[in-house]
Amino acid sequence: MRASRLLSILILLQMRGRMTAEALAREFEVSVRTIYRDVDQLSAAGVPVYAERGRAGGFALLDGYRTRLTGFTEAEAEALMLAGAGGAAAALGIGANLAAAELKLLASLPPDSGASAQRVSARFHLDSVEWYRRTEFSEILPTLASAVWREHRIRIRYESWKDLVTRELEPLGLVLKGGTWYLVAQADRQPRTYRVSNIQDLEVLPESFPRPARFDLERYWAAWAKEFEARLMRERARVRLSPTGLRMLRNVSAAAAEAIDAGSRPSEPDGWVEADIPIEGLENASRQLLRLGAEVEVLGPPELRALIAEVAARVVKIYAAT
């Protein structure tokens, strides 16, 4: 365990530059005293690590020092081969680089370990896109990814909910969610989210920007996605569902299914349930619930019940005329 931590400290210092003992202690969930002992061990092993005192101090490696150790275990190599990033990497314009990296990874492992990692990638494939959907393709995605990687400011013409607007942004990251690409970028020092397919024009500006030191893309996305769903699903509807309708609802609205699991009560006829579910406005809710056909009855609000009845009446009229 300690040898693994020593190698991880070395790689972290190489990747991030200077780090304090406190930051390293938080990273590895050990005491500051343990970090000092680990750094002493690295120094005794010939690693050129030094300490600087003061507010901006910390541990760092001598300029130009690079380790050739990767520390990959067989399990770690298998996990990387199962990352399922092939399609995303191709869309970002780095598919060839990913393939080359995988070959180098296999070559760096002992023969048996490399074969094991290759067997994993040959037997497991991750496809995160829902059925009957396709990953959105955008010709600007590779250019956008390059701007994110090189930390260059961009100017975009963006189709928002209300209008076509022009924005100058500092791109912080790209997220692939359910087949849809999103750009997380900073505007007026606040991170915001933009759907890549809504970007009409992209210009990469010559000036770079300082990336916020404390920004964490994964943490930001988790918080933003949760807030986004809560903002959309502000209204509620009261429904009765058959067992078949309940199963169908799970494919239509995961949020509604979760609400029913959290609290519902039996209804008539036997096997039906009654519950309150979150909805995204009347129009969207009517389209979703109509997909359940006669396996659901909307009890309220009255406006939603009337809207569904109106649409159902138009459908009946069409088929009656035929």
C-alpha atoms as a PDB file:
ATOM      1  CA  MET A   1       0.000   0.000   0.000  1.00  0.00           C
ATOM      2  CA  ARG A   2       2.788   2.422   0.944  1.00  0.00           C
ATOM      3  CA  ALA A   3       4.784   1.681  -2.220  1.00  0.00           C
ATOM      4  CA  SER A   4       1.656   2.415  -4.283  1.00  0.00           C
ATOM      5  CA  ARG A   5       1.153   5.698  -2.400  1.00  0.00           C
ATOM      6  CA  LEU A   6       4.796   6.721  -2.946  1.00  0.00           C
ATOM      7  CA  LEU A   7       4.415   6.167  -6.684  1.00  0.00           C
ATOM      8  CA  SER A   8       1.097   8.044  -6.704  1.00  0.00           C
ATOM      9  CA  ILE A   9       2.697  11.011  -4.894  1.00  0.00           C
ATOM     10  CA  LEU A  10       5.494  11.049  -7.473  1.00  0.00           C
ATOM     11  CA  ILE A  11       3.054  11.007 -10.388  1.00  0.00           C
ATOM     12  CA  LEU A  12       0.859  13.702  -8.779  1.00  0.00           C
ATOM     13  CA  LEU A  13       3.826  16.028  -8.294  1.00  0.00           C
ATOM     14  CA  GLN A  14       4.837  15.409 -11.890  1.00  0.00           C
ATOM     15  CA  MET A  15       1.331  16.169 -13.171  1.00  0.00           C
ATOM     16  CA  ARG A  16       0.291  19.067 -10.941  1.00  0.00           C
ATOM     17  CA  GLY A  17       3.554  20.688  -9.946  1.00  0.00           C
ATOM     18  CA  ARG A  18       3.930  22.020  -6.408  1.00  0.00           C
ATOM     19  CA  MET A  19       1.560  20.598  -3.777  1.00  0.00           C
ATOM     20  CA  THR A  20       1.377  21.178  -0.042  1.00  0.00           C
ATOM     21  CA  ALA A  21       1.623  18.408   2.513  1.00  0.00           C
ATOM     22  CA  GLU A  22      -1.948  19.184   3.558  1.00  0.00           C
ATOM     23  CA  ALA A  23      -3.240  18.777  -0.014  1.00  0.00           C
ATOM     24  CA  LEU A  24      -1.404  15.473  -0.411  1.00  0.00           C
ATOM     25  CA  ALA A  25      -2.740  14.272   2.946  1.00  0.00           C
ATOM     26  CA  ARG A  26      -6.312  15.032   1.810  1.00  0.00           C
ATOM     27  CA  GLU A  27      -5.693  13.304  -1.517  1.00  0.00           C
ATOM     28  CA  PHE A  28      -4.584  10.041   0.106  1.00  0.00           C
ATOM     29  CA  GLU A  29      -6.598  10.332   3.335  1.00  0.00           C
ATOM     30  CA  VAL A  30      -3.536  10.064   5.575  1.00  0.00           C
ATOM     31  CA  SER A  31      -1.927  12.371   8.132  1.00  0.00           C
ATOM     32  CA  VAL A  32       0.415  15.220   7.225  1.00  0.00           C
ATOM     33  CA  ARG A  33       3.136  13.449   9.230  1.00  0.00           C
ATOM     34  CA  THR A  34       2.730  10.384   6.978  1.00  0.00           C
ATOM     35  CA  ILE A  35       3.193  12.557   3.889  1.00  0.00           C
ATOM     36  CA  TYR A  36       6.430  13.985   5.298  1.00  0.00           C
ATOM     37  CA  ARG A  37       7.709  10.445   5.903  1.00  0.00           C
ATOM     38  CA  ASP A  38       6.703   9.430   2.363  1.00  0.00           C
ATOM     39  CA  VAL A  39       8.525  12.396   0.835  1.00  0.00           C
ATOM     40  CA  ASP A  40      11.620  11.522   2.859  1.00  0.00           C
ATOM     41  CA  GLN A  41      11.426   7.994   1.420  1.00  0.00           C
ATOM     42  CA  LEU A  42      11.190   9.356  -2.130  1.00  0.00           C
ATOM     43  CA  SER A  43      14.181  11.606  -1.549  1.00  0.00           C
ATOM     44  CA  ALA A  44      16.189   8.721  -0.075  1.00  0.00           C
ATOM     45  CA  ALA A  45      15.367   6.678  -3.195  1.00  0.00           C
ATOM     46  CA  GLY A  46      16.955   9.356  -5.403  1.00  0.00           C
ATOM     47  CA  VAL A  47      13.832  11.222  -6.508  1.00  0.00           C
ATOM     48  CA  PRO A  48      14.721  14.957  -6.780  1.00  0.00           C
ATOM     49  CA  VAL A  49      11.868  16.257  -4.628  1.00  0.00           C
ATOM     50  CA  TYR A  50      12.347  19.431  -2.591  1.00  0.00           C
ATOM     51  CA  ALA A  51      10.301  21.554  -0.209  1.00  0.00           C
ATOM     52  CA  GLU A  52       9.660  25.305  -0.231  1.00  0.00           C
ATOM     53  CA  ARG A  53       8.403  27.188   2.804  1.00  0.00           C
ATOM     54  CA  GLY A  54       5.898  30.054   2.893  1.00  0.00           C
ATOM     55  CA  ARG A  55       2.305  30.625   1.744  1.00  0.00           C
ATOM     56  CA  ALA A  56       3.050  29.501  -1.815  1.00  0.00           C
ATOM     57  CA  GLY A  57       5.308  26.671  -0.659  1.00  0.00           C
ATOM     58  CA  GLY A  58       4.981  22.920  -0.829  1.00  0.00           C
ATOM     59  CA  PHE A  59       6.688  19.896  -2.343  1.00  0.00           C
ATOM     60  CA  ALA A  60       7.846  19.892  -5.959  1.00  0.00           C
ATOM     61  CA  LEU A  61      10.121  18.010  -8.344  1.00  0.00           C
ATOM     62  CA  LEU A  62      13.184  19.573  -9.914  1.00  0.00           C
ATOM     63  CA  ASP A  63      12.414  21.168 -13.279  1.00  0.00           C
ATOM     64  CA  GLY A  64      12.747  18.711 -16.129  1.00  0.00           C
ATOM     65  CA  TYR A  65      12.495  15.574 -14.030  1.00  0.00           C
ATOM     66  CA  ARG A  66      10.132  12.967 -15.438  1.00  0.00           C
ATOM     67  CA  THR A  67       9.537   9.455 -14.212  1.00  0.00           C
ATOM     68  CA  ARG A  68       9.126   6.603 -16.684  1.00  0.00           C
ATOM     69  CA  LEU A  69       7.301   4.498 -14.140  1.00  0.00           C
ATOM     70  CA  THR A  70       3.585   4.062 -14.801  1.00  0.00           C
ATOM     71  CA  GLY A  71       2.763   1.751 -11.926  1.00  0.00           C
ATOM     72  CA  PHE A  72      -0.007   0.041 -13.923  1.00  0.00           C
ATOM     73  CA  THR A  73      -1.291  -3.112 -12.312  1.00  0.00           C
ATOM     74  CA  GLU A  74      -3.145  -5.767 -14.273  1.00  0.00           C
ATOM     75  CA  ALA A  75      -6.465  -4.675 -12.753  1.00  0.00           C
ATOM     76  CA  GLU A  76      -5.809  -1.012 -13.606  1.00  0.00           C
ATOM     77  CA  ALA A  77      -4.929  -1.908 -17.199  1.00  0.00           C
ATOM     78  CA  GLU A  78      -8.129  -3.954 -17.515  1.00  0.00           C
ATOM     79  CA  ALA A  79     -10.152  -1.015 -16.166  1.00  0.00           C
ATOM     80  CA  LEU A  80      -8.638   1.344 -18.742  1.00  0.00           C
ATOM     81  CA  MET A  81      -9.341  -1.074 -21.577  1.00  0.00           C
ATOM     82  CA  LEU A  82     -12.967  -1.148 -20.387  1.00  0.00           C
ATOM     83  CA  ALA A  83     -13.276   2.647 -20.298  1.00  0.00           C
ATOM     84  CA  GLY A  84     -15.560   2.617 -23.348  1.00  0.00           C
ATOM     85  CA  ALA A  85     -14.212   5.925 -24.611  1.00  0.00           C
ATOM     86  CA  GLY A  86     -13.713   4.825 -28.206  1.00  0.00           C
ATOM     87  CA  GLY A  87     -16.767   6.524 -29.710  1.00  0.00           C
ATOM     88  CA  ALA A  88     -16.317   9.663 -27.643  1.00  0.00           C
ATOM     89  CA  ALA A  89     -12.607   9.817 -28.486  1.00  0.00           C
ATOM     90  CA  ALA A  90     -13.392   9.552 -32.193  1.00  0.00           C
ATOM     91  CA  ALA A  91     -15.925  12.385 -31.949  1.00  0.00           C
ATOM     92  CA  LEU A  92     -13.337  14.535 -30.184  1.00  0.00           C
ATOM     93  CA  GLY A  93     -10.803  13.865 -32.924  1.00  0.00           C
ATOM     94  CA  ILE A  94      -8.435  11.797 -30.758  1.00  0.00           C
ATOM     95  CA  GLY A  95      -9.481   8.286 -31.753  1.00  0.00           C
ATOM     96  CA  ALA A  96      -6.115   7.502 -33.362  1.00  0.00           C
ATOM     97  CA  ASN A  97      -4.278   8.772 -30.295  1.00  0.00           C
ATOM     98  CA  LEU A  98      -6.425   6.581 -28.047  1.00  0.00           C
ATOM     99  CA  ALA A  99      -5.669   3.511 -30.147  1.00  0.00           C
ATOM    100  CA  ALA A 100      -1.941   4.268 -29.993  1.00  0.00           C
ATOM    101  CA  ALA A 101      -2.132   4.766 -26.229  1.00  0.00           C
ATOM    102  CA  GLU A 102      -3.863   1.412 -25.797  1.00  0.00           C
ATOM    103  CA  LEU A 103      -1.112  -0.305 -27.782  1.00  0.00           C
ATOM    104  CA  LYS A 104       1.578   1.369 -25.668  1.00  0.00           C
ATOM    105  CA  LEU A 105      -0.276   0.375 -22.512  1.00  0.00           C
ATOM    106  CA  LEU A 106      -0.365  -3.263 -23.606  1.00  0.00           C
ATOM    107  CA  ALA A 107       3.302  -3.149 -24.603  1.00  0.00           C
ATOM    108  CA  SER A 108       4.312  -1.746 -21.201  1.00  0.00           C
ATOM    109  CA  LEU A 109       2.749  -4.677 -19.307  1.00  0.00           C
ATOM    110  CA  PRO A 110       4.120  -8.183 -18.763  1.00  0.00           C
ATOM    111  CA  PRO A 111       2.893 -10.565 -21.517  1.00  0.00           C
ATOM    112  CA  ASP A 112       0.233 -12.273 -19.421  1.00  0.00           C
ATOM    113  CA  SER A 113      -1.145  -8.992 -18.068  1.00  0.00           C
ATOM    114  CA  GLY A 114      -1.302  -7.402 -21.513  1.00  0.00           C
ATOM    115  CA  ALA A 115      -3.189 -10.356 -22.929  1.00  0.00           C
ATOM    116  CA  SER A 116      -5.639 -10.191 -20.033  1.00  0.00           C
ATOM    117  CA  ALA A 117      -6.330  -6.483 -20.605  1.00  0.00           C
ATOM    118  CA  GLN A 118      -6.842  -7.110 -24.314  1.00  0.00           C
ATOM    119  CA  ARG A 119      -9.291  -9.931 -23.545  1.00  0.00           C
ATOM    120  CA  VAL A 120     -11.353  -7.522 -21.438  1.00  0.00           C
ATOM    121  CA  SER A 121     -11.704  -4.988 -24.281  1.00  0.00           C
ATOM    122  CA  ALA A 122     -12.568  -7.801 -26.694  1.00  0.00           C
ATOM    123  CA  ARG A 123     -15.354  -9.146 -24.469  1.00  0.00           C
ATOM    124  CA  PHE A 124     -16.984  -6.047 -22.994  1.00  0.00           C
ATOM    125  CA  HIS A 125     -18.311  -2.958 -24.765  1.00  0.00           C
ATOM    126  CA  LEU A 126     -20.045  -0.001 -23.127  1.00  0.00           C
ATOM    127  CA  ASP A 127     -22.804   1.751 -25.106  1.00  0.00           C
ATOM    128  CA  SER A 128     -24.294   4.468 -22.906  1.00  0.00           C
ATOM    129  CA  VAL A 129     -26.726   5.873 -25.501  1.00  0.00           C
ATOM    130  CA  GLU A 130     -30.400   5.021 -25.022  1.00  0.00           C
ATOM    131  CA  TRP A 131     -32.272   2.875 -27.558  1.00  0.00           C
ATOM    132  CA  TYR A 132     -33.562   4.674 -30.665  1.00  0.00           C
ATOM    133  CA  ARG A 133     -31.162   7.555 -30.026  1.00  0.00           C
ATOM    134  CA  ARG A 134     -27.869   8.487 -31.643  1.00  0.00           C
ATOM    135  CA  THR A 135     -24.885  10.363 -30.280  1.00  0.00           C
ATOM    136  CA  GLU A 136     -25.109  13.931 -31.549  1.00  0.00           C
ATOM    137  CA  PHE A 137     -22.431  14.692 -34.126  1.00  0.00           C
ATOM    138  CA  SER A 138     -20.956  18.150 -34.446  1.00  0.00           C
ATOM    139  CA  GLU A 139     -18.244  19.156 -36.882  1.00  0.00           C
ATOM    140  CA  ILE A 140     -16.922  21.748 -34.426  1.00  0.00           C
ATOM    141  CA  LEU A 141     -16.377  19.208 -31.635  1.00  0.00           C
ATOM    142  CA  PRO A 142     -12.680  18.448 -32.362  1.00  0.00           C
ATOM    143  CA  THR A 143     -11.892  22.180 -32.566  1.00  0.00           C
ATOM    144  CA  LEU A 144     -13.825  22.796 -29.373  1.00  0.00           C
ATOM    145  CA  ALA A 145     -11.990  19.953 -27.632  1.00  0.00           C
ATOM    146  CA  SER A 146      -8.672  21.463 -28.691  1.00  0.00           C
ATOM    147  CA  ALA A 147      -9.660  24.832 -27.219  1.00  0.00           C
ATOM    148  CA  VAL A 148     -10.642  23.122 -23.955  1.00  0.00           C
ATOM    149  CA  TRP A 149      -7.348  21.236 -23.826  1.00  0.00           C
ATOM    150  CA  ARG A 150      -5.150  24.234 -24.697  1.00  0.00           C
ATOM    151  CA  GLU A 151      -7.175  26.644 -22.507  1.00  0.00           C
ATOM    152  CA  HIS A 152      -7.919  29.156 -25.258  1.00  0.00           C
ATOM    153  CA  ARG A 153     -10.825  31.564 -25.100  1.00  0.00           C
ATOM    154  CA  ILE A 154     -13.599  31.080 -27.674  1.00  0.00           C
ATOM    155  CA  ARG A 155     -16.350  33.135 -29.258  1.00  0.00           C
ATOM    156  CA  ILE A 156     -19.576  31.327 -30.101  1.00  0.00           C
ATOM    157  CA  ARG A 157     -22.886  32.139 -31.733  1.00  0.00           C
ATOM    158  CA  TYR A 158     -25.383  30.162 -29.674  1.00  0.00           C
ATOM    159  CA  GLU A 159     -29.040  29.336 -30.175  1.00  0.00           C
ATOM    160  CA  SER A 160     -30.549  29.742 -26.701  1.00  0.00           C
ATOM    161  CA  TRP A 161     -34.166  29.205 -25.658  1.00  0.00           C
ATOM    162  CA  LYS A 162     -34.998  32.815 -26.475  1.00  0.00           C
ATOM    163  CA  ASP A 163     -32.661  34.064 -29.187  1.00  0.00           C
ATOM    164  CA  LEU A 164     -29.424  33.691 -31.132  1.00  0.00           C
ATOM    165  CA  VAL A 165     -26.684  35.229 -28.985  1.00  0.00           C
ATOM    166  CA  THR A 166     -22.917  35.767 -29.199  1.00  0.00           C
ATOM    167  CA  ARG A 167     -20.753  34.900 -26.215  1.00  0.00           C
ATOM    168  CA  GLU A 168     -17.044  34.994 -25.380  1.00  0.00           C
ATOM    169  CA  LEU A 169     -16.258  32.081 -23.089  1.00  0.00           C
ATOM    170  CA  GLU A 170     -13.463  30.296 -21.287  1.00  0.00           C
ATOM    171  CA  PRO A 171     -14.027  26.567 -22.048  1.00  0.00           C
ATOM    172  CA  LEU A 172     -13.475  24.350 -19.004  1.00  0.00           C
ATOM    173  CA  GLY A 173     -14.642  20.927 -20.190  1.00  0.00           C
ATOM    174  CA  LEU A 174     -16.851  18.741 -22.371  1.00  0.00           C
ATOM    175  CA  VAL A 175     -19.423  16.251 -21.072  1.00  0.00           C
ATOM    176  CA  LEU A 176     -21.160  13.465 -23.011  1.00  0.00           C
ATOM    177  CA  LYS A 177     -24.568  12.809 -21.439  1.00  0.00           C
ATOM    178  CA  GLY A 178     -26.922  10.246 -22.972  1.00  0.00           C
ATOM    179  CA  GLY A 179     -25.561  10.797 -26.481  1.00  0.00           C
ATOM    180  CA  THR A 180     -25.591  14.600 -26.184  1.00  0.00           C
ATOM    181  CA  TRP A 181     -22.429  16.705 -25.880  1.00  0.00           C
ATOM    182  CA  TYR A 182     -22.361  19.671 -23.499  1.00  0.00           C
ATOM    183  CA  LEU A 183     -19.768  22.406 -23.101  1.00  0.00           C
ATOM    184  CA  VAL A 184     -19.004  23.698 -19.619  1.00  0.00           C
ATOM    185  CA  ALA A 185     -17.505  27.168 -19.964  1.00  0.00           C
ATOM    186  CA  GLN A 186     -16.852  30.166 -17.788  1.00  0.00           C
ATOM    187  CA  ALA A 187     -18.558  33.490 -18.475  1.00  0.00           C
ATOM    188  CA  ASP A 188     -18.052  36.415 -16.099  1.00  0.00           C
ATOM    189  CA  ARG A 189     -16.179  34.018 -13.788  1.00  0.00           C
ATOM    190  CA  GLN A 190     -19.215  31.750 -13.469  1.00  0.00           C
ATOM    191  CA  PRO A 191     -19.337  28.263 -15.041  1.00  0.00           C
ATOM    192  CA  ARG A 192     -22.307  27.683 -17.331  1.00  0.00           C
ATOM    193  CA  THR A 193     -23.501  24.801 -19.517  1.00  0.00           C
ATOM    194  CA  TYR A 194     -24.114  24.946 -23.286  1.00  0.00           C
ATOM    195  CA  ARG A 195     -25.429  22.246 -25.597  1.00  0.00           C
ATOM    196  CA  VAL A 196     -22.809  21.762 -28.313  1.00  0.00           C
ATOM    197  CA  SER A 197     -25.379  21.095 -31.053  1.00  0.00           C
ATOM    198  CA  ASN A 198     -26.823  24.576 -30.409  1.00  0.00           C
ATOM    199  CA  ILE A 199     -23.508  26.280 -31.214  1.00  0.00           C
ATOM    200  CA  GLN A 200     -23.960  27.757 -34.693  1.00  0.00           C
ATOM    201  CA  ASP A 201     -20.462  29.245 -35.101  1.00  0.00           C
ATOM    202  CA  LEU A 202     -17.203  28.782 -33.217  1.00  0.00           C
ATOM    203  CA  GLU A 203     -14.077  30.948 -33.255  1.00  0.00           C
ATOM    204  CA  VAL A 204     -11.018  30.029 -31.208  1.00  0.00           C
ATOM    205  CA  LEU A 205      -9.382  33.231 -29.958  1.00  0.00           C
ATOM    206  CA  PRO A 206      -5.585  33.607 -29.712  1.00  0.00           C
ATOM    207  CA  GLU A 207      -5.493  34.512 -26.030  1.00  0.00           C
ATOM    208  CA  SER A 208      -5.429  31.863 -23.329  1.00  0.00           C
ATOM    209  CA  PHE A 209      -6.989  32.038 -19.867  1.00  0.00           C
ATOM    210  CA  PRO A 210      -6.040  30.819 -16.378  1.00  0.00           C
ATOM    211  CA  ARG A 211      -8.097  27.767 -15.482  1.00  0.00           C
ATOM    212  CA  PRO A 212      -9.735  28.117 -12.034  1.00  0.00           C
ATOM    213  CA  ALA A 213      -7.569  26.131  -9.628  1.00  0.00           C
ATOM    214  CA  ARG A 214     -10.505  24.798  -7.608  1.00  0.00           C
ATOM    215  CA  PHE A 215     -12.798  23.901 -10.508  1.00  0.00           C
ATOM    216  CA  ASP A 216     -13.772  20.212 -10.606  1.00  0.00           C
ATOM    217  CA  LEU A 217     -15.661  19.233 -13.771  1.00  0.00           C
ATOM    218  CA  GLU A 218     -17.178  16.044 -12.337  1.00  0.00           C
ATOM    219  CA  ARG A 219     -18.397  17.777  -9.176  1.00  0.00           C
ATOM    220  CA  TYR A 220     -19.795  20.732 -11.148  1.00  0.00           C
ATOM    221  CA  TRP A 221     -21.663  18.464 -13.572  1.00  0.00           C
ATOM    222  CA  ALA A 222     -23.219  16.356 -10.819  1.00  0.00           C
ATOM    223  CA  ALA A 223     -24.517  19.477  -9.040  1.00  0.00           C
ATOM    224  CA  TRP A 224     -25.673  21.158 -12.269  1.00  0.00           C
ATOM    225  CA  ALA A 225     -27.491  18.052 -13.558  1.00  0.00           C
ATOM    226  CA  LYS A 226     -29.313  17.618 -10.255  1.00  0.00           C
ATOM    227  CA  GLU A 227     -30.338  21.282 -10.179  1.00  0.00           C
ATOM    228  CA  PHE A 228     -31.348  21.175 -13.866  1.00  0.00           C
ATOM    229  CA  GLU A 229     -33.669  18.210 -13.327  1.00  0.00           C
ATOM    230  CA  ALA A 230     -35.186  19.820 -10.229  1.00  0.00           C
ATOM    231  CA  ARG A 231     -35.752  23.073 -12.147  1.00  0.00           C
ATOM    232  CA  LEU A 232     -37.501  21.293 -15.009  1.00  0.00           C
ATOM    233  CA  MET A 233     -39.646  19.030 -12.825  1.00  0.00           C
ATOM    234  CA  ARG A 234     -41.277  21.708 -10.685  1.00  0.00           C
ATOM    235  CA  GLU A 235     -44.904  20.763 -11.314  1.00  0.00           C
ATOM    236  CA  ARG A 236     -46.761  17.673 -10.071  1.00  0.00           C
ATOM    237  CA  ALA A 237     -49.464  15.409 -11.445  1.00  0.00           C
ATOM    238  CA  ARG A 238     -51.700  12.871  -9.736  1.00  0.00           C
ATOM    239  CA  VAL A 239     -52.009   9.607 -11.687  1.00  0.00           C
ATOM    240  CA  ARG A 240     -53.424   6.075 -11.465  1.00  0.00           C
ATOM    241  CA  LEU A 241     -51.299   3.370 -13.080  1.00  0.00           C
ATOM    242  CA  SER A 242     -51.829  -0.270 -13.954  1.00  0.00           C
ATOM    243  CA  PRO A 243     -48.956  -2.731 -13.378  1.00  0.00           C
ATOM    244  CA  THR A 244     -48.194  -2.524 -17.095  1.00  0.00           C
ATOM    245  CA  GLY A 245     -48.355   1.282 -16.992  1.00  0.00           C
ATOM    246  CA  LEU A 246     -45.925   1.332 -14.090  1.00  0.00           C
ATOM    247  CA  ARG A 247     -43.426  -0.752 -16.044  1.00  0.00           C
ATOM    248  CA  MET A 248     -43.852   1.469 -19.107  1.00  0.00           C
ATOM    249  CA  LEU A 249     -43.424   4.629 -17.041  1.00  0.00           C
ATOM    250  CA  ARG A 250     -39.938   3.532 -16.032  1.00  0.00           C
ATOM    251  CA  ASN A 251     -38.900   3.829 -19.691  1.00  0.00           C
ATOM    252  CA  VAL A 252     -40.680   7.179 -20.115  1.00  0.00           C
ATOM    253  CA  SER A 253     -39.651   9.102 -16.996  1.00  0.00           C
ATOM    254  CA  ALA A 254     -37.123   7.844 -14.467  1.00  0.00           C
ATOM    255  CA  ALA A 255     -37.956  10.763 -12.144  1.00  0.00           C
ATOM    256  CA  ALA A 256     -41.644   9.791 -12.110  1.00  0.00           C
ATOM    257  CA  ALA A 257     -40.804   6.142 -11.460  1.00  0.00           C
ATOM    258  CA  GLU A 258     -38.565   7.142  -8.541  1.00  0.00           C
ATOM    259  CA  ALA A 259     -41.375   9.254  -7.067  1.00  0.00           C
ATOM    260  CA  ILE A 260     -43.766   6.291  -7.245  1.00  0.00           C
ATOM    261  CA  ASP A 261     -41.208   4.001  -5.607  1.00  0.00           C
ATOM    262  CA  ALA A 262     -40.789   6.558  -2.829  1.00  0.00           C
ATOM    263  CA  GLY A 263     -44.505   6.851  -2.130  1.00  0.00           C
ATOM    264  CA  SER A 264     -47.671   5.414  -3.675  1.00  0.00           C
ATOM    265  CA  ARG A 265     -50.874   3.779  -2.481  1.00  0.00           C
ATOM    266  CA  PRO A 266     -53.011   0.919  -3.820  1.00  0.00           C
ATOM    267  CA  SER A 267     -55.930   1.820  -6.065  1.00  0.00           C
ATOM    268  CA  GLU A 268     -58.774   0.127  -7.917  1.00  0.00           C
ATOM    269  CA  PRO A 269     -58.845  -2.149  -9.814  1.00  0.00           C
ATOM    270  CA  ASP A 270     -56.557  -4.537  -7.971  1.00  0.00           C
ATOM    271  CA  GLY A 271     -52.868  -4.053  -8.788  1.00  0.00           C
ATOM    272  CA  TRP A 272     -53.207  -0.408  -9.779  1.00  0.00           C
ATOM    273  CA  VAL A 273     -51.452   2.342  -7.786  1.00  0.00           C
ATOM    274  CA  GLU A 274     -52.070   6.056  -7.246  1.00  0.00           C
ATOM    275  CA  ALA A 275     -49.231   8.529  -6.799  1.00  0.00           C
ATOM    276  CA  ASP A 276     -47.950  12.063  -7.316  1.00  0.00           C
ATOM    277  CA  ILE A 277     -45.235  12.370  -9.969  1.00  0.00           C
ATOM    278  CA  PRO A 278     -43.032  15.290 -11.072  1.00  0.00           C
ATOM    279  CA  ILE A 279     -43.707  16.661 -14.560  1.00  0.00           C
ATOM    280  CA  GLU A 280     -42.026  19.096 -16.939  1.00  0.00           C
ATOM    281  CA  GLY A 281     -44.961  21.330 -17.853  1.00  0.00           C
ATOM    282  CA  LEU A 282     -48.358  20.360 -19.235  1.00  0.00           C
ATOM    283  CA  GLU A 283     -47.399  19.900 -22.879  1.00  0.00           C
ATOM    284  CA  ASN A 284     -44.424  17.661 -22.189  1.00  0.00           C
ATOM    285  CA  ALA A 285     -46.320  15.671 -19.537  1.00  0.00           C
ATOM    286  CA  SER A 286     -49.250  15.060 -21.887  1.00  0.00           C
ATOM    287  CA  ARG A 287     -46.908  13.688 -24.588  1.00  0.00           C
ATOM    288  CA  GLN A 288     -45.158  11.396 -22.115  1.00  0.00           C
ATOM    289  CA  LEU A 289     -48.293  10.061 -20.441  1.00  0.00           C
ATOM    290  CA  LEU A 290     -50.122   9.516 -23.727  1.00  0.00           C
ATOM    291  CA  ARG A 291     -47.409   6.979 -24.567  1.00  0.00           C
ATOM    292  CA  LEU A 292     -48.859   4.814 -21.782  1.00  0.00           C
ATOM    293  CA  GLY A 293     -52.255   4.662 -23.494  1.00  0.00           C
ATOM    294  CA  ALA A 294     -55.057   3.221 -21.337  1.00  0.00           C
ATOM    295  CA  GLU A 295     -52.582   2.019 -18.696  1.00  0.00           C
ATOM    296  CA  VAL A 296     -52.675   5.409 -16.946  1.00  0.00           C
ATOM    297  CA  GLU A 297     -55.365   7.838 -15.822  1.00  0.00           C
ATOM    298  CA  VAL A 298     -54.475  11.427 -14.951  1.00  0.00           C
ATOM    299  CA  LEU A 299     -56.441  12.589 -11.912  1.00  0.00           C
ATOM    300  CA  GLY A 300     -54.988  16.076 -11.717  1.00  0.00           C
ATOM    301  CA  PRO A 301     -54.288  18.847 -12.283  1.00  0.00           C
ATOM    302  CA  PRO A 302     -57.492  19.488 -14.236  1.00  0.00           C
ATOM    303  CA  GLU A 303     -55.602  21.316 -17.002  1.00  0.00           C
ATOM    304  CA  LEU A 304     -53.443  18.259 -17.729  1.00  0.00           C
ATOM    305  CA  ARG A 305     -56.423  15.908 -17.643  1.00  0.00           C
ATOM    306  CA  ALA A 306     -58.310  18.181 -20.070  1.00  0.00           C
ATOM    307  CA  LEU A 307     -55.301  18.440 -22.409  1.00  0.00           C
ATOM    308  CA  ILE A 308     -54.897  14.656 -22.596  1.00  0.00           C
ATOM    309  CA  ALA A 309     -58.645  14.242 -23.183  1.00  0.00           C
ATOM    310  CA  GLU A 310     -58.475  16.788 -26.011  1.00  0.00           C
ATOM    311  CA  VAL A 311     -55.568  15.034 -27.733  1.00  0.00           C
ATOM    312  CA  ALA A 312     -57.223  11.643 -27.283  1.00  0.00           C
ATOM    313  CA  ALA A 313     -60.423  12.998 -28.830  1.00  0.00           C
ATOM    314  CA  ARG A 314     -58.508  14.246 -31.872  1.00  0.00           C
ATOM    315  CA  VAL A 315     -56.901  10.806 -32.282  1.00  0.00           C
ATOM    316  CA  VAL A 316     -60.318   9.124 -32.084  1.00  0.00           C
ATOM    317  CA  LYS A 317     -61.680  11.552 -34.680  1.00  0.00           C
ATOM    318  CA  ILE A 318     -58.846  10.758 -37.085  1.00  0.00           C
ATOM    319  CA  TYR A 319     -59.387   7.014 -36.887  1.00  0.00           C
ATOM    320  CA  ALA A 320     -63.177   7.285 -36.852  1.00  0.00           C
ATOM    321  CA  ALA A 321     -63.007   9.217 -40.142  1.00  0.00           C
ATOM    322  CA  THR A 322     -60.796   6.525 -41.643  1.00  0.00           C
END
